[in-house]
N, C-alpha and C. Protein backbone atom coordinates (compact mmCIF):
# COMPACT_ATOMS: atom_id res chain seq x y z
N MET A 1 66.49 99.91 112.98
CA MET A 1 67.92 99.86 113.13
C MET A 1 68.34 101.00 114.06
N SER A 2 69.18 100.70 115.01
CA SER A 2 69.61 101.71 115.98
C SER A 2 70.55 102.73 115.33
N ASN A 3 70.66 103.90 115.96
CA ASN A 3 71.59 104.93 115.47
C ASN A 3 73.02 104.42 115.44
N GLU A 4 73.37 103.63 116.45
CA GLU A 4 74.73 103.09 116.52
C GLU A 4 75.02 102.17 115.34
N LEU A 5 74.09 101.30 115.02
CA LEU A 5 74.27 100.37 113.90
C LEU A 5 74.28 101.12 112.57
N ARG A 6 73.38 102.10 112.44
CA ARG A 6 73.37 102.92 111.21
C ARG A 6 74.69 103.65 111.04
N SER A 7 75.22 104.16 112.15
CA SER A 7 76.48 104.88 112.12
C SER A 7 77.62 103.95 111.69
N GLU A 8 77.64 102.75 112.22
CA GLU A 8 78.68 101.78 111.85
C GLU A 8 78.61 101.44 110.36
N HIS A 9 77.41 101.25 109.86
CA HIS A 9 77.25 100.95 108.43
C HIS A 9 77.71 102.13 107.58
N ALA A 10 77.31 103.34 107.97
CA ALA A 10 77.72 104.53 107.21
C ALA A 10 79.24 104.67 107.21
N LYS A 11 79.85 104.43 108.36
CA LYS A 11 81.32 104.54 108.45
C LYS A 11 81.99 103.54 107.52
N ARG A 12 81.49 102.31 107.54
CA ARG A 12 82.07 101.28 106.67
C ARG A 12 81.96 101.67 105.20
N ILE A 13 80.82 102.20 104.83
CA ILE A 13 80.63 102.61 103.43
C ILE A 13 81.56 103.77 103.08
N LEU A 14 81.59 104.80 103.94
CA LEU A 14 82.39 105.98 103.65
C LEU A 14 83.89 105.69 103.62
N GLU A 15 84.32 104.65 104.32
CA GLU A 15 85.74 104.29 104.35
C GLU A 15 86.10 103.20 103.34
N ASP A 16 85.10 102.66 102.67
CA ASP A 16 85.34 101.60 101.70
C ASP A 16 86.07 102.17 100.48
N LYS A 17 87.19 101.56 100.12
CA LYS A 17 88.02 102.08 99.02
C LYS A 17 87.27 102.08 97.69
N LEU A 18 86.46 101.07 97.44
CA LEU A 18 85.70 101.02 96.20
C LEU A 18 84.67 102.14 96.17
N PHE A 19 83.99 102.37 97.28
CA PHE A 19 83.01 103.45 97.34
C PHE A 19 83.67 104.80 97.11
N VAL A 20 84.78 105.05 97.80
CA VAL A 20 85.49 106.33 97.66
C VAL A 20 85.94 106.54 96.22
N ALA A 21 86.53 105.50 95.64
CA ALA A 21 87.00 105.60 94.25
C ALA A 21 85.83 105.78 93.29
N SER A 22 84.74 105.11 93.55
CA SER A 22 83.55 105.24 92.69
C SER A 22 82.97 106.64 92.74
N MET A 23 82.88 107.19 93.93
CA MET A 23 82.34 108.55 94.07
C MET A 23 83.25 109.56 93.37
N GLN A 24 84.55 109.41 93.54
CA GLN A 24 85.48 110.34 92.88
C GLN A 24 85.44 110.15 91.37
N GLY A 25 85.34 108.91 90.93
CA GLY A 25 85.23 108.64 89.49
C GLY A 25 83.98 109.26 88.90
N LEU A 26 82.88 109.18 89.64
CA LEU A 26 81.63 109.78 89.18
C LEU A 26 81.76 111.30 89.08
N ARG A 27 82.36 111.90 90.11
CA ARG A 27 82.57 113.35 90.07
C ARG A 27 83.46 113.74 88.88
N ASP A 28 84.55 113.01 88.70
CA ASP A 28 85.47 113.31 87.60
C ASP A 28 84.78 113.19 86.25
N THR A 29 83.97 112.15 86.09
CA THR A 29 83.24 111.94 84.84
C THR A 29 82.28 113.09 84.57
N LEU A 30 81.56 113.51 85.59
CA LEU A 30 80.61 114.61 85.43
C LEU A 30 81.32 115.91 85.09
N VAL A 31 82.44 116.17 85.72
CA VAL A 31 83.20 117.39 85.42
C VAL A 31 83.71 117.34 83.98
N GLU A 32 84.19 116.19 83.56
CA GLU A 32 84.66 116.05 82.17
C GLU A 32 83.51 116.26 81.19
N GLN A 33 82.34 115.71 81.50
CA GLN A 33 81.18 115.92 80.64
C GLN A 33 80.83 117.40 80.56
N TRP A 34 80.91 118.08 81.70
CA TRP A 34 80.61 119.51 81.73
C TRP A 34 81.60 120.27 80.85
N LYS A 35 82.87 119.89 80.92
CA LYS A 35 83.90 120.58 80.14
C LYS A 35 83.68 120.49 78.64
N ILE A 36 83.10 119.39 78.18
CA ILE A 36 82.93 119.22 76.74
C ILE A 36 81.57 119.68 76.22
N THR A 37 80.72 120.16 77.14
CA THR A 37 79.43 120.68 76.66
C THR A 37 79.64 122.01 75.96
N ASP A 38 78.78 122.27 75.03
CA ASP A 38 78.80 123.56 74.36
C ASP A 38 78.43 124.64 75.36
N LYS A 39 79.10 125.76 75.31
CA LYS A 39 78.85 126.82 76.29
C LYS A 39 77.42 127.35 76.23
N HIS A 40 76.72 127.09 75.16
CA HIS A 40 75.35 127.55 75.02
C HIS A 40 74.32 126.47 75.41
N ASP A 41 74.82 125.28 75.72
CA ASP A 41 73.92 124.17 76.09
C ASP A 41 73.61 124.25 77.59
N ILE A 42 72.78 125.19 77.92
CA ILE A 42 72.47 125.47 79.33
C ILE A 42 71.77 124.29 79.99
N ASP A 43 70.87 123.64 79.26
CA ASP A 43 70.14 122.50 79.84
C ASP A 43 71.09 121.38 80.24
N ALA A 44 72.03 121.04 79.37
CA ALA A 44 72.98 119.96 79.68
C ALA A 44 73.86 120.35 80.86
N ARG A 45 74.32 121.59 80.88
CA ARG A 45 75.17 122.06 81.97
C ARG A 45 74.43 122.05 83.31
N GLU A 46 73.17 122.46 83.28
CA GLU A 46 72.38 122.44 84.51
C GLU A 46 72.15 121.01 84.99
N GLN A 47 71.89 120.11 84.07
CA GLN A 47 71.68 118.70 84.44
C GLN A 47 72.94 118.13 85.08
N ILE A 48 74.10 118.41 84.52
CA ILE A 48 75.36 117.93 85.09
C ILE A 48 75.58 118.54 86.47
N TRP A 49 75.30 119.82 86.61
CA TRP A 49 75.44 120.49 87.91
C TRP A 49 74.54 119.82 88.95
N LEU A 50 73.29 119.53 88.56
CA LEU A 50 72.37 118.85 89.47
C LEU A 50 72.89 117.47 89.87
N GLU A 51 73.45 116.76 88.92
CA GLU A 51 74.00 115.44 89.22
C GLU A 51 75.18 115.53 90.18
N LEU A 52 76.03 116.52 90.00
CA LEU A 52 77.15 116.73 90.93
C LEU A 52 76.63 117.03 92.33
N LYS A 53 75.61 117.85 92.42
CA LYS A 53 75.03 118.19 93.72
C LYS A 53 74.41 116.96 94.37
N MET A 54 73.79 116.09 93.59
CA MET A 54 73.20 114.87 94.15
C MET A 54 74.27 113.93 94.69
N VAL A 55 75.40 113.84 94.01
CA VAL A 55 76.52 113.03 94.50
C VAL A 55 76.97 113.58 95.86
N ASP A 56 77.14 114.89 95.95
CA ASP A 56 77.54 115.52 97.21
C ASP A 56 76.48 115.31 98.30
N ARG A 57 75.23 115.44 97.91
CA ARG A 57 74.14 115.28 98.87
C ARG A 57 74.08 113.86 99.42
N PHE A 58 74.26 112.88 98.55
CA PHE A 58 74.26 111.48 98.97
C PHE A 58 75.39 111.21 99.95
N GLU A 59 76.58 111.65 99.60
CA GLU A 59 77.72 111.44 100.48
C GLU A 59 77.54 112.21 101.80
N GLY A 60 77.00 113.40 101.72
CA GLY A 60 76.73 114.18 102.92
C GLY A 60 75.70 113.51 103.83
N HIS A 61 74.73 112.86 103.23
CA HIS A 61 73.72 112.15 104.01
C HIS A 61 74.36 111.01 104.80
N LEU A 62 75.22 110.26 104.15
CA LEU A 62 75.93 109.18 104.85
C LEU A 62 76.79 109.75 105.98
N GLN A 63 77.45 110.87 105.71
CA GLN A 63 78.28 111.50 106.72
C GLN A 63 77.45 111.95 107.92
N SER A 64 76.25 112.46 107.67
CA SER A 64 75.40 112.90 108.78
C SER A 64 74.92 111.71 109.61
N ILE A 65 74.67 110.58 108.97
CA ILE A 65 74.28 109.37 109.71
C ILE A 65 75.44 108.95 110.62
N LEU A 66 76.65 108.99 110.09
CA LEU A 66 77.84 108.63 110.87
C LEU A 66 77.97 109.58 112.07
N GLU A 67 77.87 110.86 111.84
CA GLU A 67 78.04 111.84 112.91
C GLU A 67 76.93 111.75 113.95
N GLU A 68 75.72 111.47 113.50
CA GLU A 68 74.59 111.32 114.43
C GLU A 68 74.86 110.17 115.40
N GLY A 69 75.38 109.08 114.87
CA GLY A 69 75.71 107.93 115.73
C GLY A 69 76.85 108.25 116.68
N GLN A 70 77.83 109.01 116.22
CA GLN A 70 78.94 109.38 117.09
C GLN A 70 78.46 110.28 118.23
N ILE A 71 77.55 111.19 117.92
CA ILE A 71 77.00 112.07 118.96
C ILE A 71 76.21 111.25 119.97
N THR A 72 75.41 110.31 119.48
CA THR A 72 74.64 109.44 120.38
C THR A 72 75.57 108.67 121.29
N ASN A 73 76.64 108.10 120.72
CA ASN A 73 77.61 107.34 121.54
C ASN A 73 78.26 108.23 122.58
N PHE A 74 78.61 109.46 122.19
CA PHE A 74 79.23 110.38 123.13
C PHE A 74 78.28 110.71 124.28
N LYS A 75 77.03 110.98 123.93
CA LYS A 75 76.04 111.30 124.97
C LYS A 75 75.85 110.14 125.93
N GLN A 76 75.82 108.91 125.39
CA GLN A 76 75.63 107.74 126.23
C GLN A 76 76.82 107.53 127.15
N SER A 77 78.03 107.72 126.62
CA SER A 77 79.22 107.54 127.46
C SER A 77 79.30 108.64 128.52
N PHE A 78 78.83 109.84 128.20
CA PHE A 78 78.83 110.95 129.15
C PHE A 78 77.85 110.67 130.28
N LYS A 79 76.70 110.06 129.96
CA LYS A 79 75.70 109.73 130.99
C LYS A 79 76.22 108.70 131.97
N GLU A 80 77.11 107.83 131.48
CA GLU A 80 77.62 106.74 132.32
C GLU A 80 78.65 107.23 133.32
N ILE A 81 79.14 108.43 133.16
CA ILE A 81 80.17 108.97 134.06
C ILE A 81 79.57 109.46 135.33
């Protein structure tokens, strides 16, 4: 799959209302779970923290695919000038 096509797919996903709402819902759920953990339950708190970081990492990965395609498109249009 070309960078341009990957970028288009990533953009569609990142702008999809269901995806955006799902990601925010997941973050909200994890934060709520963290709030109700016992302050001494370090294992549970660390697991929730790791899950929050994975959500961010996944979304960041899609964002990097989008940006990589935009850079490629910019470079190609610059070469054509």
